[in-house]
Amino acid sequence: MLDKTMTFTVPNDNEKEMKQILTTVYHALAEKNYNPINQIVGYILSEDPTYITTHNNARGLIRHIDRDELLQEMLKEYLNVK
C-alpha cells in the first residue's frame, strides 16, 4: 500500500471569491505598512492569523480561504496550467 501514490483533490469553485479576499487582505496589509507578500506567506505556512492585520477585517476575511485550495490555485497560476 505504501508503494502507490495517493491522490489529493480540492474542490475548485470559488476562485473569484478567493482572489477578491486576497486582494482586500493585500491592500489592508499595505495600508498598515506591512510587506503584504511576506505576511500572507507567513499566514499560509503557519495558519497563524496574527500575520494578518485586523484592519478592514482582513484577518476575519482570510479565514474564509481554504489554504489547500489557495495553494493549488497559486501553483496552477505559477505553472500556467489549468
PDB file of N, CA and C in Angstrom:
ATOM      1  N   MET A   1       0.821  -1.195   0.000  1.00  0.00           N
ATOM      2  CA  MET A   1       0.000   0.000   0.000  1.00  0.00           C
ATOM      3  C   MET A   1       0.863   1.257   0.000  1.00  0.00           C
ATOM      4  N   LEU A   2       2.025   1.255   0.593  1.00  0.00           N
ATOM      5  CA  LEU A   2       2.870   2.432   0.655  1.00  0.00           C
ATOM      6  C   LEU A   2       3.607   2.704  -0.651  1.00  0.00           C
ATOM      7  N   ASP A   3       3.546   1.789  -1.602  1.00  0.00           N
ATOM      8  CA  ASP A   3       4.251   1.985  -2.861  1.00  0.00           C
ATOM      9  C   ASP A   3       3.406   2.713  -3.899  1.00  0.00           C
ATOM     10  N   LYS A   4       2.159   3.008  -3.579  1.00  0.00           N
ATOM     11  CA  LYS A   4       1.275   3.706  -4.518  1.00  0.00           C
ATOM     12  C   LYS A   4       1.179   5.183  -4.155  1.00  0.00           C
ATOM     13  N   THR A   5       1.042   6.015  -5.168  1.00  0.00           N
ATOM     14  CA  THR A   5       0.903   7.452  -4.958  1.00  0.00           C
ATOM     15  C   THR A   5      -0.534   7.781  -4.573  1.00  0.00           C
ATOM     16  N   MET A   6      -0.697   8.498  -3.506  1.00  0.00           N
ATOM     17  CA  MET A   6      -2.013   8.943  -3.071  1.00  0.00           C
ATOM     18  C   MET A   6      -2.434  10.139  -3.922  1.00  0.00           C
ATOM     19  N   THR A   7      -3.702  10.262  -4.211  1.00  0.00           N
ATOM     20  CA  THR A   7      -4.192  11.428  -4.946  1.00  0.00           C
ATOM     21  C   THR A   7      -4.907  12.354  -3.980  1.00  0.00           C
ATOM     22  N   PHE A   8      -4.853  13.624  -4.298  1.00  0.00           N
ATOM     23  CA  PHE A   8      -5.452  14.650  -3.457  1.00  0.00           C
ATOM     24  C   PHE A   8      -6.260  15.567  -4.355  1.00  0.00           C
ATOM     25  N   THR A   9      -7.535  15.725  -4.072  1.00  0.00           N
ATOM     26  CA  THR A   9      -8.401  16.560  -4.884  1.00  0.00           C
ATOM     27  C   THR A   9      -9.029  17.642  -4.020  1.00  0.00           C
ATOM     28  N   VAL A  10      -8.957  18.869  -4.505  1.00  0.00           N
ATOM     29  CA  VAL A  10      -9.546  20.001  -3.800  1.00  0.00           C
ATOM     30  C   VAL A  10     -10.628  20.585  -4.691  1.00  0.00           C
ATOM     31  N   PRO A  11     -11.823  20.811  -4.153  1.00  0.00           N
ATOM     32  CA  PRO A  11     -12.859  21.444  -4.967  1.00  0.00           C
ATOM     33  C   PRO A  11     -12.419  22.826  -5.430  1.00  0.00           C
ATOM     34  N   ASN A  12     -12.832  23.207  -6.635  1.00  0.00           N
ATOM     35  CA  ASN A  12     -12.324  24.437  -7.240  1.00  0.00           C
ATOM     36  C   ASN A  12     -13.479  25.312  -7.728  1.00  0.00           C
ATOM     37  N   ASP A  13     -14.304  25.774  -6.807  1.00  0.00           N
ATOM     38  CA  ASP A  13     -15.479  26.509  -7.234  1.00  0.00           C
ATOM     39  C   ASP A  13     -15.545  27.954  -6.759  1.00  0.00           C
ATOM     40  N   ASN A  14     -14.560  28.418  -6.032  1.00  0.00           N
ATOM     41  CA  ASN A  14     -14.648  29.789  -5.541  1.00  0.00           C
ATOM     42  C   ASN A  14     -13.365  30.585  -5.782  1.00  0.00           C
ATOM     43  N   GLU A  15     -12.794  30.443  -6.976  1.00  0.00           N
ATOM     44  CA  GLU A  15     -11.581  31.186  -7.332  1.00  0.00           C
ATOM     45  C   GLU A  15     -11.784  32.691  -7.230  1.00  0.00           C
ATOM     46  N   LYS A  16     -12.910  33.152  -7.737  1.00  0.00           N
ATOM     47  CA  LYS A  16     -13.183  34.591  -7.780  1.00  0.00           C
ATOM     48  C   LYS A  16     -13.271  35.178  -6.375  1.00  0.00           C
ATOM     49  N   GLU A  17     -13.967  34.495  -5.486  1.00  0.00           N
ATOM     50  CA  GLU A  17     -14.091  34.972  -4.108  1.00  0.00           C
ATOM     51  C   GLU A  17     -12.730  34.969  -3.411  1.00  0.00           C
ATOM     52  N   MET A  18     -11.952  33.917  -3.653  1.00  0.00           N
ATOM     53  CA  MET A  18     -10.630  33.813  -3.050  1.00  0.00           C
ATOM     54  C   MET A  18      -9.739  34.969  -3.512  1.00  0.00           C
ATOM     55  N   LYS A  19      -9.779  35.279  -4.790  1.00  0.00           N
ATOM     56  CA  LYS A  19      -8.963  36.372  -5.318  1.00  0.00           C
ATOM     57  C   LYS A  19      -9.394  37.711  -4.726  1.00  0.00           C
ATOM     58  N   GLN A  20     -10.689  37.906  -4.587  1.00  0.00           N
ATOM     59  CA  GLN A  20     -11.210  39.144  -4.009  1.00  0.00           C
ATOM     60  C   GLN A  20     -10.760  39.293  -2.548  1.00  0.00           C
ATOM     61  N   ILE A  21     -10.834  38.213  -1.795  1.00  0.00           N
ATOM     62  CA  ILE A  21     -10.414  38.253  -0.395  1.00  0.00           C
ATOM     63  C   ILE A  21      -8.923  38.546  -0.302  1.00  0.00           C
ATOM     64  N   LEU A  22      -8.116  37.846  -1.086  1.00  0.00           N
ATOM     65  CA  LEU A  22      -6.670  38.074  -1.043  1.00  0.00           C
ATOM     66  C   LEU A  22      -6.304  39.495  -1.434  1.00  0.00           C
ATOM     67  N   THR A  23      -7.010  40.046  -2.397  1.00  0.00           N
ATOM     68  CA  THR A  23      -6.754  41.424  -2.816  1.00  0.00           C
ATOM     69  C   THR A  23      -7.069  42.390  -1.681  1.00  0.00           C
ATOM     70  N   THR A  24      -8.180  42.171  -1.005  1.00  0.00           N
ATOM     71  CA  THR A  24      -8.562  43.010   0.131  1.00  0.00           C
ATOM     72  C   THR A  24      -7.530  42.899   1.250  1.00  0.00           C
ATOM     73  N   VAL A  25      -7.111  41.678   1.556  1.00  0.00           N
ATOM     74  CA  VAL A  25      -6.112  41.449   2.598  1.00  0.00           C
ATOM     75  C   VAL A  25      -4.791  42.110   2.215  1.00  0.00           C
ATOM     76  N   TYR A  26      -4.390  41.960   0.969  1.00  0.00           N
ATOM     77  CA  TYR A  26      -3.147  42.559   0.476  1.00  0.00           C
ATOM     78  C   TYR A  26      -3.166  44.077   0.695  1.00  0.00           C
ATOM     79  N   HIS A  27      -4.253  44.716   0.292  1.00  0.00           N
ATOM     80  CA  HIS A  27      -4.345  46.176   0.426  1.00  0.00           C
ATOM     81  C   HIS A  27      -4.395  46.619   1.891  1.00  0.00           C
ATOM     82  N   ALA A  28      -5.074  45.845   2.727  1.00  0.00           N
ATOM     83  CA  ALA A  28      -5.130  46.186   4.151  1.00  0.00           C
ATOM     84  C   ALA A  28      -3.733  46.115   4.769  1.00  0.00           C
ATOM     85  N   LEU A  29      -2.971  45.095   4.412  1.00  0.00           N
ATOM     86  CA  LEU A  29      -1.601  44.976   4.923  1.00  0.00           C
ATOM     87  C   LEU A  29      -0.731  46.121   4.421  1.00  0.00           C
ATOM     88  N   ALA A  30      -0.867  46.460   3.149  1.00  0.00           N
ATOM     89  CA  ALA A  30      -0.077  47.553   2.568  1.00  0.00           C
ATOM     90  C   ALA A  30      -0.417  48.885   3.242  1.00  0.00           C
ATOM     91  N   GLU A  31      -1.706  49.110   3.514  1.00  0.00           N
ATOM     92  CA  GLU A  31      -2.127  50.346   4.171  1.00  0.00           C
ATOM     93  C   GLU A  31      -1.514  50.486   5.565  1.00  0.00           C
ATOM     94  N   LYS A  32      -1.246  49.369   6.209  1.00  0.00           N
ATOM     95  CA  LYS A  32      -0.647  49.394   7.548  1.00  0.00           C
ATOM     96  C   LYS A  32       0.878  49.287   7.481  1.00  0.00           C
ATOM     97  N   ASN A  33       1.435  49.435   6.276  1.00  0.00           N
ATOM     98  CA  ASN A  33       2.883  49.432   6.038  1.00  0.00           C
ATOM     99  C   ASN A  33       3.580  48.102   6.329  1.00  0.00           C
ATOM    100  N   TYR A  34       2.850  47.009   6.167  1.00  0.00           N
ATOM    101  CA  TYR A  34       3.456  45.686   6.230  1.00  0.00           C
ATOM    102  C   TYR A  34       3.844  45.281   4.812  1.00  0.00           C
ATOM    103  N   ASN A  35       4.747  44.309   4.691  1.00  0.00           N
ATOM    104  CA  ASN A  35       5.040  43.716   3.398  1.00  0.00           C
ATOM    105  C   ASN A  35       3.964  42.646   3.173  1.00  0.00           C
ATOM    106  N   PRO A  36       2.972  42.921   2.319  1.00  0.00           N
ATOM    107  CA  PRO A  36       1.828  42.016   2.173  1.00  0.00           C
ATOM    108  C   PRO A  36       2.211  40.595   1.761  1.00  0.00           C
ATOM    109  N   ILE A  37       3.154  40.464   0.846  1.00  0.00           N
ATOM    110  CA  ILE A  37       3.543  39.133   0.389  1.00  0.00           C
ATOM    111  C   ILE A  37       4.131  38.324   1.541  1.00  0.00           C
ATOM    112  N   ASN A  38       5.067  38.917   2.273  1.00  0.00           N
ATOM    113  CA  ASN A  38       5.673  38.209   3.403  1.00  0.00           C
ATOM    114  C   ASN A  38       4.643  37.816   4.454  1.00  0.00           C
ATOM    115  N   GLN A  39       3.730  38.711   4.748  1.00  0.00           N
ATOM    116  CA  GLN A  39       2.727  38.444   5.774  1.00  0.00           C
ATOM    117  C   GLN A  39       1.773  37.332   5.334  1.00  0.00           C
ATOM    118  N   ILE A  40       1.344  37.366   4.085  1.00  0.00           N
ATOM    119  CA  ILE A  40       0.424  36.340   3.588  1.00  0.00           C
ATOM    120  C   ILE A  40       1.125  34.987   3.532  1.00  0.00           C
ATOM    121  N   VAL A  41       2.382  34.963   3.097  1.00  0.00           N
ATOM    122  CA  VAL A  41       3.144  33.706   3.085  1.00  0.00           C
ATOM    123  C   VAL A  41       3.282  33.168   4.509  1.00  0.00           C
ATOM    124  N   GLY A  42       3.574  34.033   5.449  1.00  0.00           N
ATOM    125  CA  GLY A  42       3.663  33.611   6.848  1.00  0.00           C
ATOM    126  C   GLY A  42       2.364  32.978   7.317  1.00  0.00           C
ATOM    127  N   TYR A  43       1.254  33.583   6.957  1.00  0.00           N
ATOM    128  CA  TYR A  43      -0.056  33.028   7.322  1.00  0.00           C
ATOM    129  C   TYR A  43      -0.284  31.672   6.660  1.00  0.00           C
ATOM    130  N   ILE A  44       0.008  31.583   5.370  1.00  0.00           N
ATOM    131  CA  ILE A  44      -0.222  30.330   4.648  1.00  0.00           C
ATOM    132  C   ILE A  44       0.604  29.200   5.254  1.00  0.00           C
ATOM    133  N   LEU A  45       1.856  29.473   5.564  1.00  0.00           N
ATOM    134  CA  LEU A  45       2.734  28.434   6.099  1.00  0.00           C
ATOM    135  C   LEU A  45       2.362  28.012   7.521  1.00  0.00           C
ATOM    136  N   SER A  46       1.921  28.956   8.326  1.00  0.00           N
ATOM    137  CA  SER A  46       1.697  28.665   9.743  1.00  0.00           C
ATOM    138  C   SER A  46       0.224  28.551  10.137  1.00  0.00           C
ATOM    139  N   GLU A  47      -0.654  29.131   9.354  1.00  0.00           N
ATOM    140  CA  GLU A  47      -2.081  29.289   9.662  1.00  0.00           C
ATOM    141  C   GLU A  47      -2.280  30.103  10.943  1.00  0.00           C
ATOM    142  N   ASP A  48      -1.283  30.923  11.266  1.00  0.00           N
ATOM    143  CA  ASP A  48      -1.365  31.807  12.425  1.00  0.00           C
ATOM    144  C   ASP A  48      -1.972  33.126  11.961  1.00  0.00           C
ATOM    145  N   PRO A  49      -3.187  33.442  12.386  1.00  0.00           N
ATOM    146  CA  PRO A  49      -3.871  34.642  11.907  1.00  0.00           C
ATOM    147  C   PRO A  49      -3.207  35.953  12.312  1.00  0.00           C
ATOM    148  N   THR A  50      -2.278  35.909  13.272  1.00  0.00           N
ATOM    149  CA  THR A  50      -1.640  37.157  13.697  1.00  0.00           C
ATOM    150  C   THR A  50      -0.700  37.720  12.634  1.00  0.00           C
ATOM    151  N   TYR A  51      -0.422  36.967  11.587  1.00  0.00           N
ATOM    152  CA  TYR A  51       0.338  37.515  10.465  1.00  0.00           C
ATOM    153  C   TYR A  51      -0.489  38.520   9.667  1.00  0.00           C
ATOM    154  N   ILE A  52      -1.798  38.497   9.858  1.00  0.00           N
ATOM    155  CA  ILE A  52      -2.712  39.348   9.093  1.00  0.00           C
ATOM    156  C   ILE A  52      -3.305  40.406  10.003  1.00  0.00           C
ATOM    157  N   THR A  53      -3.293  41.635   9.535  1.00  0.00           N
ATOM    158  CA  THR A  53      -3.851  42.745  10.306  1.00  0.00           C
ATOM    159  C   THR A  53      -5.371  42.615  10.454  1.00  0.00           C
ATOM    160  N   THR A  54      -5.893  43.228  11.504  1.00  0.00           N
ATOM    161  CA  THR A  54      -7.345  43.287  11.668  1.00  0.00           C
ATOM    162  C   THR A  54      -7.939  44.452  10.887  1.00  0.00           C
ATOM    163  N   HIS A  55      -7.085  45.323  10.361  1.00  0.00           N
ATOM    164  CA  HIS A  55      -7.519  46.484   9.579  1.00  0.00           C
ATOM    165  C   HIS A  55      -8.419  46.032   8.428  1.00  0.00           C
ATOM    166  N   ASN A  56      -9.551  46.691   8.268  1.00  0.00           N
ATOM    167  CA  ASN A  56     -10.539  46.373   7.221  1.00  0.00           C
ATOM    168  C   ASN A  56     -10.998  44.920   7.285  1.00  0.00           C
ATOM    169  N   ASN A  57     -11.002  44.336   8.470  1.00  0.00           N
ATOM    170  CA  ASN A  57     -11.449  42.965   8.689  1.00  0.00           C
ATOM    171  C   ASN A  57     -10.635  41.934   7.902  1.00  0.00           C
ATOM    172  N   ALA A  58      -9.390  42.261   7.579  1.00  0.00           N
ATOM    173  CA  ALA A  58      -8.557  41.364   6.772  1.00  0.00           C
ATOM    174  C   ALA A  58      -8.352  40.015   7.453  1.00  0.00           C
ATOM    175  N   ARG A  59      -8.142  40.021   8.753  1.00  0.00           N
ATOM    176  CA  ARG A  59      -7.910  38.769   9.478  1.00  0.00           C
ATOM    177  C   ARG A  59      -9.148  37.878   9.428  1.00  0.00           C
ATOM    178  N   GLY A  60     -10.290  38.462   9.587  1.00  0.00           N
ATOM    179  CA  GLY A  60     -11.534  37.686   9.501  1.00  0.00           C
ATOM    180  C   GLY A  60     -11.778  37.149   8.101  1.00  0.00           C
ATOM    181  N   LEU A  61     -11.480  37.969   7.105  1.00  0.00           N
ATOM    182  CA  LEU A  61     -11.698  37.549   5.720  1.00  0.00           C
ATOM    183  C   LEU A  61     -10.807  36.389   5.314  1.00  0.00           C
ATOM    184  N   ILE A  62      -9.538  36.444   5.664  1.00  0.00           N
ATOM    185  CA  ILE A  62      -8.604  35.420   5.198  1.00  0.00           C
ATOM    186  C   ILE A  62      -8.934  34.046   5.774  1.00  0.00           C
ATOM    187  N   ARG A  63      -9.625  34.031   6.873  1.00  0.00           N
ATOM    188  CA  ARG A  63     -10.029  32.750   7.469  1.00  0.00           C
ATOM    189  C   ARG A  63     -11.082  32.029   6.621  1.00  0.00           C
ATOM    190  N   HIS A  64     -11.675  32.719   5.669  1.00  0.00           N
ATOM    191  CA  HIS A  64     -12.664  32.106   4.779  1.00  0.00           C
ATOM    192  C   HIS A  64     -12.012  31.342   3.630  1.00  0.00           C
ATOM    193  N   ILE A  65     -10.707  31.464   3.500  1.00  0.00           N
ATOM    194  CA  ILE A  65      -9.992  30.812   2.407  1.00  0.00           C
ATOM    195  C   ILE A  65      -9.406  29.495   2.895  1.00  0.00           C
ATOM    196  N   ASP A  66      -9.675  28.440   2.151  1.00  0.00           N
ATOM    197  CA  ASP A  66      -9.067  27.146   2.444  1.00  0.00           C
ATOM    198  C   ASP A  66      -7.630  27.165   1.938  1.00  0.00           C
ATOM    199  N   ARG A  67      -6.677  26.936   2.823  1.00  0.00           N
ATOM    200  CA  ARG A  67      -5.269  27.037   2.441  1.00  0.00           C
ATOM    201  C   ARG A  67      -4.879  26.034   1.367  1.00  0.00           C
ATOM    202  N   ASP A  68      -5.410  24.818   1.420  1.00  0.00           N
ATOM    203  CA  ASP A  68      -5.093  23.817   0.402  1.00  0.00           C
ATOM    204  C   ASP A  68      -5.567  24.277  -0.978  1.00  0.00           C
ATOM    205  N   GLU A  69      -6.762  24.818  -1.009  1.00  0.00           N
ATOM    206  CA  GLU A  69      -7.311  25.325  -2.268  1.00  0.00           C
ATOM    207  C   GLU A  69      -6.499  26.507  -2.778  1.00  0.00           C
ATOM    208  N   LEU A  70      -6.110  27.382  -1.876  1.00  0.00           N
ATOM    209  CA  LEU A  70      -5.296  28.531  -2.246  1.00  0.00           C
ATOM    210  C   LEU A  70      -3.953  28.091  -2.831  1.00  0.00           C
ATOM    211  N   LEU A  71      -3.296  27.165  -2.174  1.00  0.00           N
ATOM    212  CA  LEU A  71      -2.009  26.674  -2.669  1.00  0.00           C
ATOM    213  C   LEU A  71      -2.158  26.008  -4.034  1.00  0.00           C
ATOM    214  N   GLN A  72      -3.238  25.276  -4.221  1.00  0.00           N
ATOM    215  CA  GLN A  72      -3.482  24.643  -5.515  1.00  0.00           C
ATOM    216  C   GLN A  72      -3.627  25.707  -6.605  1.00  0.00           C
ATOM    217  N   GLU A  73      -4.403  26.739  -6.338  1.00  0.00           N
ATOM    218  CA  GLU A  73      -4.612  27.802  -7.329  1.00  0.00           C
ATOM    219  C   GLU A  73      -3.319  28.567  -7.596  1.00  0.00           C
ATOM    220  N   MET A  74      -2.554  28.814  -6.560  1.00  0.00           N
ATOM    221  CA  MET A  74      -1.290  29.532  -6.739  1.00  0.00           C
ATOM    222  C   MET A  74      -0.325  28.726  -7.602  1.00  0.00           C
ATOM    223  N   LEU A  75      -0.248  27.436  -7.347  1.00  0.00           N
ATOM    224  CA  LEU A  75       0.646  26.585  -8.123  1.00  0.00           C
ATOM    225  C   LEU A  75       0.210  26.505  -9.587  1.00  0.00           C
ATOM    226  N   LYS A  76      -1.087  26.380  -9.811  1.00  0.00           N
ATOM    227  CA  LYS A  76      -1.600  26.349 -11.187  1.00  0.00           C
ATOM    228  C   LYS A  76      -1.295  27.648 -11.907  1.00  0.00           C
ATOM    229  N   GLU A  77      -1.460  28.760 -11.235  1.00  0.00           N
ATOM    230  CA  GLU A  77      -1.176  30.059 -11.835  1.00  0.00           C
ATOM    231  C   GLU A  77       0.321  30.207 -12.116  1.00  0.00           C
ATOM    232  N   TYR A  78       1.138  29.781 -11.179  1.00  0.00           N
ATOM    233  CA  TYR A  78       2.589  29.887 -11.336  1.00  0.00           C
ATOM    234  C   TYR A  78       3.078  29.048 -12.499  1.00  0.00           C
ATOM    235  N   LEU A  79       2.523  27.856 -12.622  1.00  0.00           N
ATOM    236  CA  LEU A  79       2.923  26.967 -13.703  1.00  0.00           C
ATOM    237  C   LEU A  79       2.160  27.224 -15.004  1.00  0.00           C
ATOM    238  N   ASN A  80       1.176  28.119 -14.913  1.00  0.00           N
ATOM    239  CA  ASN A  80       0.358  28.479 -16.070  1.00  0.00           C
ATOM    240  C   ASN A  80      -0.363  27.265 -16.647  1.00  0.00           C
ATOM    241  N   VAL A  81      -0.986  26.475 -15.765  1.00  0.00           N
ATOM    242  CA  VAL A  81      -1.777  25.310 -16.164  1.00  0.00           C
ATOM    243  C   VAL A  81      -3.157  25.414 -15.527  1.00  0.00           C
ATOM    244  N   LYS A  82      -4.101  24.738 -16.101  1.00  0.00           N
ATOM    245  CA  LYS A  82      -5.453  24.709 -15.534  1.00  0.00           C
ATOM    246  C   LYS A  82      -5.970  23.317 -15.383  1.00  0.00           C
TER     247      LYS A  82
END
